Amino acid sequence: MSSATAGRSEITEAQSFPLSGLVNYQEGSVVSRVILKREKGNVTIFAFDEGQGLSEHTSPFDALVQAVEGEAEVTIAGKPIAVKVGEVVLLPATQPHAVKARTRFKMMLIMIRS
C-alpha cells in the first residue's frame, strides 16, 4: 500500500454510497462509523436518536460538521447554532463544542489534523 493510500477506509473505493445509509439509528443512542481514516484526518458518520448528543469537549484540530438528516443544535464556545440538512458548521480547534439532536439527526464529521 502506498503512503498516499495508507490508512483505513470503511467503504469501498470507486463506488457511490448514500451518506444517510452508512450508519443506522439506535434508540436512545449515538452511533458512529469511521468511513475514512488517514494520518492527516478522518471522516466519521454519526446517527443521533432524538434528544441525544455529544457533551461539551474540545479538539486540538479543526473539524467540519455537515448535516445529512434531521436537525440539531451545535454549541460552540457557548453560542448555540441551529443546523439542518445541507448545512455545514466549522468547529474551530480548541473551542469547546457540543451537539444535541432536536430530531433524529445524522451528520458527517470531517476532521483535519494539521
C-alpha atoms as a PDB file:
ATOM      1  CA  MET A   1       0.000   0.000   0.000  1.00  0.00           C
ATOM      2  CA  SER A   2       1.457   3.379  -0.962  1.00  0.00           C
ATOM      3  CA  SER A   3       1.773   6.192   1.560  1.00  0.00           C
ATOM      4  CA  ALA A   4      -0.918   8.098  -0.362  1.00  0.00           C
ATOM      5  CA  THR A   5      -3.441   5.388   0.477  1.00  0.00           C
ATOM      6  CA  ALA A   6      -2.023   4.313   3.828  1.00  0.00           C
ATOM      7  CA  GLY A   7      -4.677   4.195   6.498  1.00  0.00           C
ATOM      8  CA  ARG A   8      -8.090   2.683   6.685  1.00  0.00           C
ATOM      9  CA  SER A   9     -11.323   3.017   4.782  1.00  0.00           C
ATOM     10  CA  GLU A  10     -14.613   1.501   5.857  1.00  0.00           C
ATOM     11  CA  ILE A  11     -16.191   1.994   2.441  1.00  0.00           C
ATOM     12  CA  THR A  12     -15.142   0.521  -0.881  1.00  0.00           C
ATOM     13  CA  GLU A  13     -13.273   2.899  -3.162  1.00  0.00           C
ATOM     14  CA  ALA A  14     -14.583   3.937  -6.567  1.00  0.00           C
ATOM     15  CA  GLN A  15     -18.239   3.436  -5.585  1.00  0.00           C
ATOM     16  CA  SER A  16     -21.113   5.736  -4.679  1.00  0.00           C
ATOM     17  CA  PHE A  17     -22.869   5.450  -1.297  1.00  0.00           C
ATOM     18  CA  PRO A  18     -25.804   7.376   0.188  1.00  0.00           C
ATOM     19  CA  LEU A  19     -24.433   9.169   3.273  1.00  0.00           C
ATOM     20  CA  SER A  20     -27.596   8.558   5.280  1.00  0.00           C
ATOM     21  CA  GLY A  21     -27.312   4.797   4.685  1.00  0.00           C
ATOM     22  CA  LEU A  22     -23.804   4.446   6.115  1.00  0.00           C
ATOM     23  CA  VAL A  23     -24.962   4.452   9.749  1.00  0.00           C
ATOM     24  CA  ASN A  24     -28.264   3.463  11.379  1.00  0.00           C
ATOM     25  CA  TYR A  25     -30.140   4.992  14.281  1.00  0.00           C
ATOM     26  CA  GLN A  26     -30.276   3.130  17.574  1.00  0.00           C
ATOM     27  CA  GLU A  27     -32.949   4.036  20.114  1.00  0.00           C
ATOM     28  CA  GLY A  28     -31.606   6.232  22.915  1.00  0.00           C
ATOM     29  CA  SER A  29     -28.074   6.284  21.490  1.00  0.00           C
ATOM     30  CA  VAL A  30     -25.455   7.969  19.384  1.00  0.00           C
ATOM     31  CA  VAL A  31     -23.912   5.661  16.793  1.00  0.00           C
ATOM     32  CA  SER A  32     -20.777   6.480  14.806  1.00  0.00           C
ATOM     33  CA  ARG A  33     -18.849   4.879  11.978  1.00  0.00           C
ATOM     34  CA  VAL A  34     -15.441   5.950  10.731  1.00  0.00           C
ATOM     35  CA  ILE A  35     -15.611   5.721   6.949  1.00  0.00           C
ATOM     36  CA  LEU A  36     -12.138   7.057   6.180  1.00  0.00           C
ATOM     37  CA  LYS A  37      -9.092   7.276   8.429  1.00  0.00           C
ATOM     38  CA  ARG A  38      -5.775   8.785   7.437  1.00  0.00           C
ATOM     39  CA  GLU A  39      -2.756  10.230   9.204  1.00  0.00           C
ATOM     40  CA  LYS A  40      -3.859  13.810   8.452  1.00  0.00           C
ATOM     41  CA  GLY A  41      -7.563  13.402   9.179  1.00  0.00           C
ATOM     42  CA  ASN A  42     -10.659  11.268   9.159  1.00  0.00           C
ATOM     43  CA  VAL A  43     -14.318  11.212   8.166  1.00  0.00           C
ATOM     44  CA  THR A  44     -16.932   9.862  10.564  1.00  0.00           C
ATOM     45  CA  ILE A  45     -20.687   9.486  10.132  1.00  0.00           C
ATOM     46  CA  PHE A  46     -22.897   9.871  13.231  1.00  0.00           C
ATOM     47  CA  ALA A  47     -26.552   8.975  13.889  1.00  0.00           C
ATOM     48  CA  PHE A  48     -28.184  10.581  16.952  1.00  0.00           C
ATOM     49  CA  ASP A  49     -31.535   9.485  18.286  1.00  0.00           C
ATOM     50  CA  GLU A  50     -33.787  12.449  19.110  1.00  0.00           C
ATOM     51  CA  GLY A  51     -32.575  14.246  22.239  1.00  0.00           C
ATOM     52  CA  GLN A  52     -29.185  12.517  22.244  1.00  0.00           C
ATOM     53  CA  GLY A  53     -25.905  14.354  21.876  1.00  0.00           C
ATOM     54  CA  LEU A  54     -22.208  14.733  22.469  1.00  0.00           C
ATOM     55  CA  SER A  55     -21.288  16.595  25.646  1.00  0.00           C
ATOM     56  CA  GLU A  56     -19.085  19.656  25.517  1.00  0.00           C
ATOM     57  CA  HIS A  57     -15.475  18.882  24.647  1.00  0.00           C
ATOM     58  CA  THR A  58     -12.546  20.345  22.729  1.00  0.00           C
ATOM     59  CA  SER A  59     -10.297  19.121  19.954  1.00  0.00           C
ATOM     60  CA  PRO A  60      -6.816  20.277  19.008  1.00  0.00           C
ATOM     61  CA  PHE A  61      -7.881  20.255  15.324  1.00  0.00           C
ATOM     62  CA  ASP A  62     -10.489  21.988  13.161  1.00  0.00           C
ATOM     63  CA  ALA A  63     -13.486  19.907  12.155  1.00  0.00           C
ATOM     64  CA  LEU A  64     -16.384  20.399   9.770  1.00  0.00           C
ATOM     65  CA  VAL A  65     -19.889  19.123  10.546  1.00  0.00           C
ATOM     66  CA  GLN A  66     -22.245  18.521   7.621  1.00  0.00           C
ATOM     67  CA  ALA A  67     -25.883  17.792   8.447  1.00  0.00           C
ATOM     68  CA  VAL A  68     -27.113  14.787   6.469  1.00  0.00           C
ATOM     69  CA  GLU A  69     -30.552  14.180   8.010  1.00  0.00           C
ATOM     70  CA  GLY A  70     -32.732  15.886  10.644  1.00  0.00           C
ATOM     71  CA  GLU A  71     -31.936  18.877  12.842  1.00  0.00           C
ATOM     72  CA  ALA A  72     -29.560  19.563  15.708  1.00  0.00           C
ATOM     73  CA  GLU A  73     -28.105  22.302  17.820  1.00  0.00           C
ATOM     74  CA  VAL A  74     -24.342  22.687  17.743  1.00  0.00           C
ATOM     75  CA  THR A  75     -22.934  24.853  20.511  1.00  0.00           C
ATOM     76  CA  ILE A  76     -19.516  26.436  20.008  1.00  0.00           C
ATOM     77  CA  ALA A  77     -17.937  28.407  22.875  1.00  0.00           C
ATOM     78  CA  GLY A  78     -21.400  28.850  24.411  1.00  0.00           C
ATOM     79  CA  LYS A  79     -23.072  30.009  21.165  1.00  0.00           C
ATOM     80  CA  PRO A  80     -25.945  27.741  20.006  1.00  0.00           C
ATOM     81  CA  ILE A  81     -26.267  27.225  16.239  1.00  0.00           C
ATOM     82  CA  ALA A  82     -29.276  25.510  14.642  1.00  0.00           C
ATOM     83  CA  VAL A  83     -28.177  23.057  11.936  1.00  0.00           C
ATOM     84  CA  LYS A  84     -30.358  21.293   9.375  1.00  0.00           C
ATOM     85  CA  VAL A  85     -29.898  19.119   6.292  1.00  0.00           C
ATOM     86  CA  GLY A  86     -27.446  20.525   3.779  1.00  0.00           C
ATOM     87  CA  GLU A  87     -25.797  22.944   6.195  1.00  0.00           C
ATOM     88  CA  VAL A  88     -22.233  22.897   7.489  1.00  0.00           C
ATOM     89  CA  VAL A  89     -20.607  24.251  10.643  1.00  0.00           C
ATOM     90  CA  LEU A  90     -16.909  24.761  11.299  1.00  0.00           C
ATOM     91  CA  LEU A  91     -15.771  23.594  14.739  1.00  0.00           C
ATOM     92  CA  PRO A  92     -12.611  25.610  15.383  1.00  0.00           C
ATOM     93  CA  ALA A  93      -9.669  23.925  17.068  1.00  0.00           C
ATOM     94  CA  THR A  94      -9.500  24.374  20.873  1.00  0.00           C
ATOM     95  CA  GLN A  95     -13.019  25.865  21.101  1.00  0.00           C
ATOM     96  CA  PRO A  96     -15.430  23.937  23.356  1.00  0.00           C
ATOM     97  CA  HIS A  97     -18.307  22.461  21.367  1.00  0.00           C
ATOM     98  CA  ALA A  98     -21.278  20.118  21.819  1.00  0.00           C
ATOM     99  CA  VAL A  99     -24.033  18.573  19.680  1.00  0.00           C
ATOM    100  CA  LYS A 100     -27.677  17.926  20.675  1.00  0.00           C
ATOM    101  CA  ALA A 101     -30.177  16.324  18.276  1.00  0.00           C
ATOM    102  CA  ARG A 102     -33.519  18.164  18.063  1.00  0.00           C
ATOM    103  CA  THR A 103     -34.863  15.332  15.886  1.00  0.00           C
ATOM    104  CA  ARG A 104     -33.213  12.126  14.784  1.00  0.00           C
ATOM    105  CA  PHE A 105     -30.056  13.528  13.252  1.00  0.00           C
ATOM    106  CA  LYS A 106     -27.238  12.274  11.050  1.00  0.00           C
ATOM    107  CA  MET A 107     -24.051  14.185  10.382  1.00  0.00           C
ATOM    108  CA  MET A 108     -20.724  13.753   8.698  1.00  0.00           C
ATOM    109  CA  LEU A 109     -17.711  14.957  10.690  1.00  0.00           C
ATOM    110  CA  ILE A 110     -14.551  15.757   8.759  1.00  0.00           C
ATOM    111  CA  MET A 111     -11.526  16.276  10.993  1.00  0.00           C
ATOM    112  CA  ILE A 112      -8.322  17.735   9.623  1.00  0.00           C
ATOM    113  CA  ARG A 113      -5.177  17.051  11.664  1.00  0.00           C
ATOM    114  CA  SER A 114      -2.761  19.815  10.814  1.00  0.00           C
END
